[in-house]
Every structure is written in structure tokens, then in C-alpha cells.
Amino acid sequence: MIFASTGHNGLGGFDLYSKKLSDPNSEIVTFPGPINTTYDDFGMTLPEFIECGFMTSNRPGTGSDDIYKLTFEKYFEFLLQILVLDNKTWKPVSGAEVVFCKVNTMKTGKDGMVSTVLKRNSACDVKASAFGYNDNLKLISIG
């Protein structure tokens, strides 16, 4: 949730804050300058999966209250799930070793699955190995 308030220690006037509603113990976070100023900064929208947002403020501009565009690079993480199957029976392979990015090694469960988190604009080699099977190596790219 993003909200404006004069009731917290901000920069002056109305300032913009955020709080994670899904976590009742989360802290109220103050947006830093240049988003918050000594003027009234009182409205903001940050659409999900878009690298820009908009805010309103009465700082000096073209009118008394103006809309400002915010541009930034959002941080995204992607859940990568790997399912290891026998290529003849199409049944899950339990206990297969899967190595992500040459550093993170996991073993598949009875369902033949493992998962990890990858960052946006990254690439990772994924290697699956199991006794009695040929190794399989794939490059996974996240744009």
C-alpha cells in the first residue's frame, strides 16, 4: 500500500510512504528524495510489471498540483521449476541431481521436481544428472 501522510517523520508537508499489507509486522517505509520533498507529495501509482509510475505533488511546476512520471528499474525474481522425467516412460525421476548456475545443487523429490529463484536479465546453466541416464544441460535465460 502506498499512502500520503503528515503524521510520520518525513521531509515536510505530505510525504509518501509504503507498507506491506500482507505482513502486519512490516515497517512503514518513507520514499527518499527526490520523490518526497518539503512540498506536498500526495499521490502515487506504481503499476505492477511496468518500469514507470506516476505521482502528484504541489512542488513548483506548471500548475498548483502536477503529475510527475517516475522511471526506474523494478527488481523481479522468477521461480524456475525443473521437472526431470524419464524420456521413455515420462515418469518423474526421483533423486536426480540438478545443478543451477554451477553452484546450487538440489535433488529431485518423488515428483521429479526442484525449483530455484532467478533474477531478471540473468542466464543460468541447468544440469540434470541421474544414475542410469545421460546428463542433460540447458541454458536458461530470463529476459
N, C-alpha and C. Protein backbone atom coordinates (compact mmCIF):
# COMPACT_ATOMS: atom_id res chain seq x y z
N MET A 1 0.84 -1.16 0.00
CA MET A 1 0.00 0.00 0.00
C MET A 1 0.90 1.23 0.00
N ILE A 2 0.55 2.20 -0.80
CA ILE A 2 1.26 3.48 -0.82
C ILE A 2 0.28 4.53 -0.32
N PHE A 3 0.73 5.38 0.61
CA PHE A 3 -0.15 6.40 1.16
C PHE A 3 0.62 7.67 1.45
N ALA A 4 -0.11 8.78 1.59
CA ALA A 4 0.48 10.07 1.93
C ALA A 4 0.06 10.41 3.36
N SER A 5 0.97 11.06 4.09
CA SER A 5 0.67 11.41 5.47
C SER A 5 1.56 12.56 5.92
N THR A 6 1.05 13.31 6.89
CA THR A 6 1.88 14.30 7.60
C THR A 6 2.19 13.79 9.00
N GLY A 7 1.76 12.59 9.31
CA GLY A 7 1.87 12.04 10.66
C GLY A 7 3.12 11.22 10.94
N HIS A 8 4.06 11.21 10.04
CA HIS A 8 5.31 10.46 10.23
C HIS A 8 6.48 11.41 10.03
N ASN A 9 7.65 10.98 10.38
CA ASN A 9 8.84 11.83 10.22
C ASN A 9 9.27 11.86 8.76
N GLY A 10 8.72 12.82 8.02
CA GLY A 10 9.04 12.94 6.60
C GLY A 10 9.87 14.18 6.35
N LEU A 11 9.83 14.65 5.12
CA LEU A 11 10.62 15.82 4.72
C LEU A 11 9.85 17.12 4.87
N GLY A 12 8.55 17.04 5.12
CA GLY A 12 7.72 18.24 5.27
C GLY A 12 6.51 18.16 4.38
N GLY A 13 5.41 18.78 4.79
CA GLY A 13 4.16 18.67 4.04
C GLY A 13 3.73 17.21 4.03
N PHE A 14 2.91 16.85 3.05
CA PHE A 14 2.55 15.45 2.88
C PHE A 14 3.73 14.73 2.25
N ASP A 15 4.02 13.55 2.76
CA ASP A 15 5.07 12.70 2.19
C ASP A 15 4.47 11.34 1.86
N LEU A 16 5.12 10.64 0.96
CA LEU A 16 4.66 9.33 0.50
C LEU A 16 5.38 8.22 1.25
N TYR A 17 4.60 7.19 1.63
CA TYR A 17 5.10 6.05 2.40
C TYR A 17 4.54 4.77 1.79
N SER A 18 5.17 3.65 2.13
CA SER A 18 4.64 2.35 1.72
C SER A 18 4.65 1.40 2.90
N LYS A 19 3.76 0.44 2.84
CA LYS A 19 3.68 -0.61 3.87
C LYS A 19 3.16 -1.86 3.21
N LYS A 20 3.75 -3.01 3.55
CA LYS A 20 3.28 -4.30 3.03
C LYS A 20 2.09 -4.74 3.87
N LEU A 21 0.92 -4.75 3.27
CA LEU A 21 -0.28 -5.14 3.99
C LEU A 21 -0.31 -6.64 4.29
N SER A 22 0.41 -7.43 3.50
CA SER A 22 0.44 -8.87 3.71
C SER A 22 1.24 -9.26 4.95
N ASP A 23 2.02 -8.33 5.50
CA ASP A 23 2.84 -8.58 6.69
C ASP A 23 2.50 -7.55 7.76
N PRO A 24 1.70 -7.92 8.77
CA PRO A 24 1.31 -6.95 9.80
C PRO A 24 2.49 -6.39 10.59
N ASN A 25 3.62 -7.06 10.57
CA ASN A 25 4.81 -6.59 11.30
C ASN A 25 5.74 -5.75 10.44
N SER A 26 5.37 -5.53 9.17
CA SER A 26 6.26 -4.76 8.29
C SER A 26 6.33 -3.30 8.74
N GLU A 27 7.46 -2.70 8.44
CA GLU A 27 7.69 -1.30 8.79
C GLU A 27 7.06 -0.39 7.75
N ILE A 28 6.75 0.83 8.17
CA ILE A 28 6.34 1.86 7.23
C ILE A 28 7.63 2.43 6.64
N VAL A 29 7.72 2.45 5.31
CA VAL A 29 8.93 2.89 4.62
C VAL A 29 8.66 4.24 3.97
N THR A 30 9.56 5.19 4.21
CA THR A 30 9.47 6.52 3.61
C THR A 30 10.18 6.51 2.27
N PHE A 31 9.53 7.01 1.23
CA PHE A 31 10.22 7.15 -0.05
C PHE A 31 11.26 8.25 0.09
N PRO A 32 12.46 8.06 -0.42
CA PRO A 32 13.51 9.07 -0.31
C PRO A 32 13.28 10.21 -1.31
N GLY A 33 14.07 11.28 -1.17
CA GLY A 33 14.10 12.32 -2.19
C GLY A 33 14.75 11.74 -3.43
N PRO A 34 14.42 12.16 -4.57
CA PRO A 34 13.59 13.31 -4.91
C PRO A 34 12.10 13.01 -4.98
N ILE A 35 11.67 11.80 -4.57
CA ILE A 35 10.23 11.53 -4.57
C ILE A 35 9.55 12.40 -3.50
N ASN A 36 10.02 12.31 -2.25
CA ASN A 36 9.49 13.19 -1.22
C ASN A 36 10.31 14.47 -1.16
N THR A 37 9.61 15.57 -0.96
CA THR A 37 10.25 16.89 -0.87
C THR A 37 9.64 17.64 0.31
N THR A 38 10.00 18.89 0.48
CA THR A 38 9.40 19.72 1.52
C THR A 38 8.01 20.18 1.13
N TYR A 39 7.60 19.92 -0.11
CA TYR A 39 6.25 20.25 -0.58
C TYR A 39 5.31 19.09 -0.28
N ASP A 40 4.05 19.22 -0.70
CA ASP A 40 3.07 18.15 -0.52
C ASP A 40 3.19 17.15 -1.66
N ASP A 41 3.66 15.97 -1.34
CA ASP A 41 3.77 14.85 -2.29
C ASP A 41 2.71 13.86 -1.85
N PHE A 42 1.62 13.73 -2.61
CA PHE A 42 0.43 13.12 -2.01
C PHE A 42 -0.25 12.02 -2.79
N GLY A 43 0.23 11.64 -3.92
CA GLY A 43 -0.39 10.54 -4.64
C GLY A 43 0.63 9.81 -5.48
N MET A 44 0.51 8.48 -5.55
CA MET A 44 1.46 7.70 -6.35
C MET A 44 0.79 6.43 -6.82
N THR A 45 1.11 6.05 -8.05
CA THR A 45 0.72 4.75 -8.56
C THR A 45 1.94 4.10 -9.19
N LEU A 46 2.16 2.84 -8.85
CA LEU A 46 3.27 2.06 -9.40
C LEU A 46 2.70 0.77 -9.96
N PRO A 47 2.28 0.78 -11.23
CA PRO A 47 1.70 -0.43 -11.82
C PRO A 47 2.68 -1.60 -11.76
N GLU A 48 2.14 -2.77 -11.47
CA GLU A 48 2.96 -3.98 -11.41
C GLU A 48 3.48 -4.32 -12.80
N PHE A 49 4.73 -4.75 -12.88
CA PHE A 49 5.40 -5.19 -14.09
C PHE A 49 5.65 -4.07 -15.10
N ILE A 50 5.54 -2.83 -14.69
CA ILE A 50 5.84 -1.70 -15.56
C ILE A 50 6.93 -0.87 -14.89
N GLU A 51 7.89 -0.42 -15.66
CA GLU A 51 9.04 0.27 -15.10
C GLU A 51 8.84 1.78 -15.03
N CYS A 52 7.61 2.21 -14.79
CA CYS A 52 7.36 3.62 -14.55
C CYS A 52 6.12 3.74 -13.68
N GLY A 53 5.96 4.87 -13.07
CA GLY A 53 4.80 5.15 -12.25
C GLY A 53 4.52 6.64 -12.33
N PHE A 54 3.54 7.08 -11.58
CA PHE A 54 3.19 8.49 -11.58
C PHE A 54 2.94 8.94 -10.15
N MET A 55 3.25 10.20 -9.89
CA MET A 55 2.98 10.78 -8.58
C MET A 55 2.47 12.20 -8.75
N THR A 56 1.81 12.70 -7.73
CA THR A 56 1.32 14.07 -7.74
C THR A 56 1.99 14.84 -6.62
N SER A 57 2.21 16.14 -6.88
CA SER A 57 2.89 17.00 -5.91
C SER A 57 2.54 18.45 -6.21
N ASN A 58 2.63 19.28 -5.17
CA ASN A 58 2.43 20.72 -5.39
C ASN A 58 3.77 21.46 -5.43
N ARG A 59 4.86 20.72 -5.67
CA ARG A 59 6.16 21.39 -5.83
C ARG A 59 6.10 22.32 -7.05
N PRO A 60 7.00 23.26 -7.16
CA PRO A 60 6.95 24.19 -8.30
C PRO A 60 6.97 23.44 -9.63
N GLY A 61 6.01 23.75 -10.46
CA GLY A 61 5.87 23.11 -11.76
C GLY A 61 5.06 24.00 -12.67
N THR A 62 4.17 23.38 -13.44
CA THR A 62 3.39 24.19 -14.38
C THR A 62 2.04 24.62 -13.81
N GLY A 63 1.59 24.01 -12.74
CA GLY A 63 0.32 24.37 -12.10
C GLY A 63 0.45 24.24 -10.60
N SER A 64 -0.69 24.27 -9.90
CA SER A 64 -0.60 24.16 -8.44
C SER A 64 -0.35 22.72 -8.00
N ASP A 65 -0.98 21.76 -8.64
CA ASP A 65 -0.71 20.34 -8.41
C ASP A 65 -0.38 19.73 -9.76
N ASP A 66 0.76 19.06 -9.85
CA ASP A 66 1.21 18.49 -11.12
C ASP A 66 1.40 16.99 -10.98
N ILE A 67 1.35 16.31 -12.13
CA ILE A 67 1.61 14.88 -12.19
C ILE A 67 3.02 14.69 -12.73
N TYR A 68 3.80 13.86 -12.04
CA TYR A 68 5.18 13.59 -12.43
C TYR A 68 5.32 12.11 -12.77
N LYS A 69 6.07 11.83 -13.82
CA LYS A 69 6.35 10.45 -14.21
C LYS A 69 7.62 9.99 -13.50
N LEU A 70 7.57 8.79 -12.93
CA LEU A 70 8.73 8.17 -12.28
C LEU A 70 9.21 7.03 -13.16
N THR A 71 10.49 6.97 -13.43
CA THR A 71 11.04 5.84 -14.17
C THR A 71 12.12 5.19 -13.32
N PHE A 72 12.18 3.89 -13.38
CA PHE A 72 13.10 3.12 -12.55
C PHE A 72 13.16 1.71 -13.10
N GLU A 73 14.08 0.94 -12.59
CA GLU A 73 14.15 -0.46 -12.96
C GLU A 73 13.63 -1.28 -11.80
N LYS A 74 12.53 -1.95 -12.02
CA LYS A 74 11.95 -2.79 -10.98
C LYS A 74 12.79 -4.05 -10.84
N TYR A 75 12.85 -4.55 -9.64
CA TYR A 75 13.58 -5.78 -9.36
C TYR A 75 12.59 -6.94 -9.44
N PHE A 76 12.84 -7.86 -10.33
CA PHE A 76 11.96 -9.01 -10.48
C PHE A 76 12.73 -10.28 -10.18
N GLU A 77 12.04 -11.22 -9.58
CA GLU A 77 12.58 -12.56 -9.41
C GLU A 77 11.59 -13.53 -10.06
N PHE A 78 12.12 -14.58 -10.64
CA PHE A 78 11.30 -15.56 -11.31
C PHE A 78 11.55 -16.92 -10.70
N LEU A 79 10.49 -17.65 -10.45
CA LEU A 79 10.60 -19.00 -9.92
C LEU A 79 10.79 -19.95 -11.10
N LEU A 80 11.92 -20.63 -11.12
CA LEU A 80 12.22 -21.60 -12.16
C LEU A 80 12.00 -22.99 -11.57
N GLN A 81 11.08 -23.73 -12.16
CA GLN A 81 10.81 -25.09 -11.72
C GLN A 81 11.28 -26.05 -12.80
N ILE A 82 12.01 -27.07 -12.37
CA ILE A 82 12.55 -28.08 -13.27
C ILE A 82 11.89 -29.41 -12.94
N LEU A 83 11.35 -30.05 -13.95
CA LEU A 83 10.76 -31.37 -13.80
C LEU A 83 11.63 -32.35 -14.57
N VAL A 84 12.21 -33.32 -13.88
CA VAL A 84 13.07 -34.32 -14.51
C VAL A 84 12.22 -35.56 -14.77
N LEU A 85 12.12 -35.93 -16.06
CA LEU A 85 11.31 -37.08 -16.47
C LEU A 85 12.15 -38.11 -17.21
N ASP A 86 11.76 -39.34 -17.10
CA ASP A 86 12.33 -40.41 -17.91
C ASP A 86 11.82 -40.20 -19.33
N ASN A 87 12.72 -40.14 -20.32
CA ASN A 87 12.30 -39.80 -21.68
C ASN A 87 11.58 -40.94 -22.41
N LYS A 88 11.50 -42.11 -21.80
CA LYS A 88 10.76 -43.22 -22.42
C LYS A 88 9.39 -43.40 -21.75
N THR A 89 9.37 -43.37 -20.43
CA THR A 89 8.12 -43.62 -19.70
C THR A 89 7.40 -42.33 -19.31
N TRP A 90 8.06 -41.21 -19.41
CA TRP A 90 7.55 -39.90 -19.00
C TRP A 90 7.16 -39.85 -17.52
N LYS A 91 7.79 -40.73 -16.71
CA LYS A 91 7.55 -40.71 -15.27
C LYS A 91 8.63 -39.87 -14.60
N PRO A 92 8.31 -39.23 -13.48
CA PRO A 92 9.31 -38.41 -12.76
C PRO A 92 10.49 -39.26 -12.30
N VAL A 93 11.67 -38.63 -12.33
CA VAL A 93 12.89 -39.30 -11.87
C VAL A 93 13.20 -38.75 -10.47
N SER A 94 13.05 -39.61 -9.48
CA SER A 94 13.33 -39.24 -8.09
C SER A 94 14.83 -39.33 -7.82
N GLY A 95 15.37 -38.38 -7.06
CA GLY A 95 16.78 -38.42 -6.67
C GLY A 95 17.73 -37.93 -7.72
N ALA A 96 17.23 -37.32 -8.79
CA ALA A 96 18.13 -36.75 -9.81
C ALA A 96 18.81 -35.52 -9.21
N GLU A 97 20.07 -35.34 -9.58
CA GLU A 97 20.82 -34.17 -9.10
C GLU A 97 20.70 -33.06 -10.15
N VAL A 98 20.25 -31.89 -9.71
CA VAL A 98 20.11 -30.74 -10.60
C VAL A 98 21.02 -29.63 -10.07
N VAL A 99 21.90 -29.14 -10.94
CA VAL A 99 22.84 -28.09 -10.57
C VAL A 99 22.43 -26.81 -11.30
N PHE A 100 22.16 -25.76 -10.53
CA PHE A 100 21.80 -24.46 -11.08
C PHE A 100 23.01 -23.54 -11.06
N CYS A 101 23.34 -22.96 -12.18
CA CYS A 101 24.40 -21.95 -12.30
C CYS A 101 25.74 -22.44 -11.75
N LYS A 102 25.98 -23.72 -11.83
CA LYS A 102 27.23 -24.36 -11.41
C LYS A 102 27.52 -24.24 -9.91
N VAL A 103 26.56 -23.76 -9.11
CA VAL A 103 26.82 -23.58 -7.68
C VAL A 103 25.74 -24.15 -6.77
N ASN A 104 24.51 -24.16 -7.20
CA ASN A 104 23.40 -24.57 -6.35
C ASN A 104 22.93 -25.96 -6.76
N THR A 105 23.17 -26.97 -5.91
CA THR A 105 22.84 -28.35 -6.23
C THR A 105 21.64 -28.80 -5.40
N MET A 106 20.68 -29.44 -6.08
CA MET A 106 19.49 -29.96 -5.41
C MET A 106 19.19 -31.35 -5.93
N LYS A 107 18.42 -32.11 -5.15
CA LYS A 107 17.96 -33.44 -5.57
C LYS A 107 16.44 -33.38 -5.75
N THR A 108 15.96 -34.03 -6.81
CA THR A 108 14.52 -34.06 -7.05
C THR A 108 13.85 -34.96 -6.03
N GLY A 109 12.60 -34.64 -5.73
CA GLY A 109 11.79 -35.47 -4.85
C GLY A 109 11.07 -36.54 -5.65
N LYS A 110 10.09 -37.17 -5.03
CA LYS A 110 9.33 -38.22 -5.70
C LYS A 110 8.60 -37.69 -6.94
N ASP A 111 8.30 -36.38 -6.91
CA ASP A 111 7.59 -35.77 -8.05
C ASP A 111 8.54 -35.37 -9.17
N GLY A 112 9.86 -35.58 -8.99
CA GLY A 112 10.85 -35.26 -10.01
C GLY A 112 11.12 -33.77 -10.16
N MET A 113 10.70 -32.97 -9.16
CA MET A 113 10.81 -31.53 -9.30
C MET A 113 11.80 -30.90 -8.32
N VAL A 114 12.40 -29.81 -8.79
CA VAL A 114 13.20 -28.90 -7.96
C VAL A 114 12.90 -27.48 -8.45
N SER A 115 13.19 -26.50 -7.64
CA SER A 115 12.95 -25.12 -8.07
C SER A 115 13.98 -24.20 -7.44
N THR A 116 14.19 -23.07 -8.09
CA THR A 116 15.07 -22.03 -7.60
C THR A 116 14.56 -20.69 -8.11
N VAL A 117 15.12 -19.63 -7.58
CA VAL A 117 14.72 -18.29 -7.99
C VAL A 117 15.84 -17.69 -8.83
N LEU A 118 15.48 -17.11 -9.98
CA LEU A 118 16.43 -16.42 -10.83
C LEU A 118 16.05 -14.96 -10.94
N LYS A 119 17.04 -14.11 -11.07
CA LYS A 119 16.81 -12.68 -11.21
C LYS A 119 16.54 -12.32 -12.66
N ARG A 120 15.90 -11.21 -12.85
CA ARG A 120 15.63 -10.69 -14.19
C ARG A 120 16.94 -10.41 -14.90
N ASN A 121 16.96 -10.56 -16.21
CA ASN A 121 18.14 -10.32 -17.05
C ASN A 121 19.32 -11.19 -16.63
N SER A 122 19.04 -12.45 -16.37
CA SER A 122 20.12 -13.36 -15.98
C SER A 122 20.05 -14.62 -16.84
N ALA A 123 21.13 -15.36 -16.81
CA ALA A 123 21.20 -16.64 -17.50
C ALA A 123 21.84 -17.65 -16.56
N CYS A 124 21.44 -18.90 -16.70
CA CYS A 124 21.93 -19.92 -15.78
C CYS A 124 21.99 -21.26 -16.52
N ASP A 125 23.12 -21.96 -16.37
CA ASP A 125 23.22 -23.33 -16.86
C ASP A 125 22.52 -24.23 -15.86
N VAL A 126 21.67 -25.13 -16.36
CA VAL A 126 20.99 -26.10 -15.50
C VAL A 126 21.38 -27.48 -16.00
N LYS A 127 21.96 -28.27 -15.09
CA LYS A 127 22.42 -29.61 -15.46
C LYS A 127 21.68 -30.63 -14.60
N ALA A 128 21.05 -31.60 -15.25
CA ALA A 128 20.36 -32.68 -14.56
C ALA A 128 21.12 -33.99 -14.78
N SER A 129 21.35 -34.71 -13.68
CA SER A 129 22.07 -35.99 -13.73
C SER A 129 21.35 -37.00 -12.86
N ALA A 130 21.30 -38.22 -13.33
CA ALA A 130 20.74 -39.31 -12.53
C ALA A 130 21.40 -40.61 -12.95
N PHE A 131 21.55 -41.54 -12.02
CA PHE A 131 22.16 -42.83 -12.30
C PHE A 131 21.34 -43.55 -13.37
N GLY A 132 22.03 -44.01 -14.41
CA GLY A 132 21.39 -44.76 -15.48
C GLY A 132 20.87 -43.88 -16.61
N TYR A 133 21.09 -42.57 -16.50
CA TYR A 133 20.62 -41.63 -17.52
C TYR A 133 21.78 -40.79 -18.02
N ASN A 134 21.65 -40.28 -19.24
CA ASN A 134 22.63 -39.32 -19.75
C ASN A 134 22.37 -37.96 -19.09
N ASP A 135 23.45 -37.24 -18.83
CA ASP A 135 23.31 -35.88 -18.28
C ASP A 135 22.62 -34.99 -19.31
N ASN A 136 21.89 -34.02 -18.81
CA ASN A 136 21.21 -33.07 -19.68
C ASN A 136 21.57 -31.66 -19.21
N LEU A 137 22.07 -30.84 -20.11
CA LEU A 137 22.50 -29.48 -19.79
C LEU A 137 21.74 -28.49 -20.67
N LYS A 138 21.13 -27.49 -20.03
CA LYS A 138 20.38 -26.47 -20.76
C LYS A 138 20.77 -25.10 -20.20
N LEU A 139 20.78 -24.11 -21.07
CA LEU A 139 20.98 -22.71 -20.66
C LEU A 139 19.61 -22.07 -20.56
N ILE A 140 19.29 -21.54 -19.40
CA ILE A 140 18.02 -20.85 -19.17
C ILE A 140 18.29 -19.37 -19.10
N SER A 141 17.60 -18.58 -19.91
CA SER A 141 17.76 -17.11 -19.92
C SER A 141 16.47 -16.46 -19.49
N ILE A 142 16.58 -15.53 -18.57
CA ILE A 142 15.43 -14.76 -18.09
C ILE A 142 15.60 -13.34 -18.58
N GLY A 143 14.67 -12.86 -19.43
CA GLY A 143 14.76 -11.52 -20.01
C GLY A 143 14.18 -10.46 -19.14
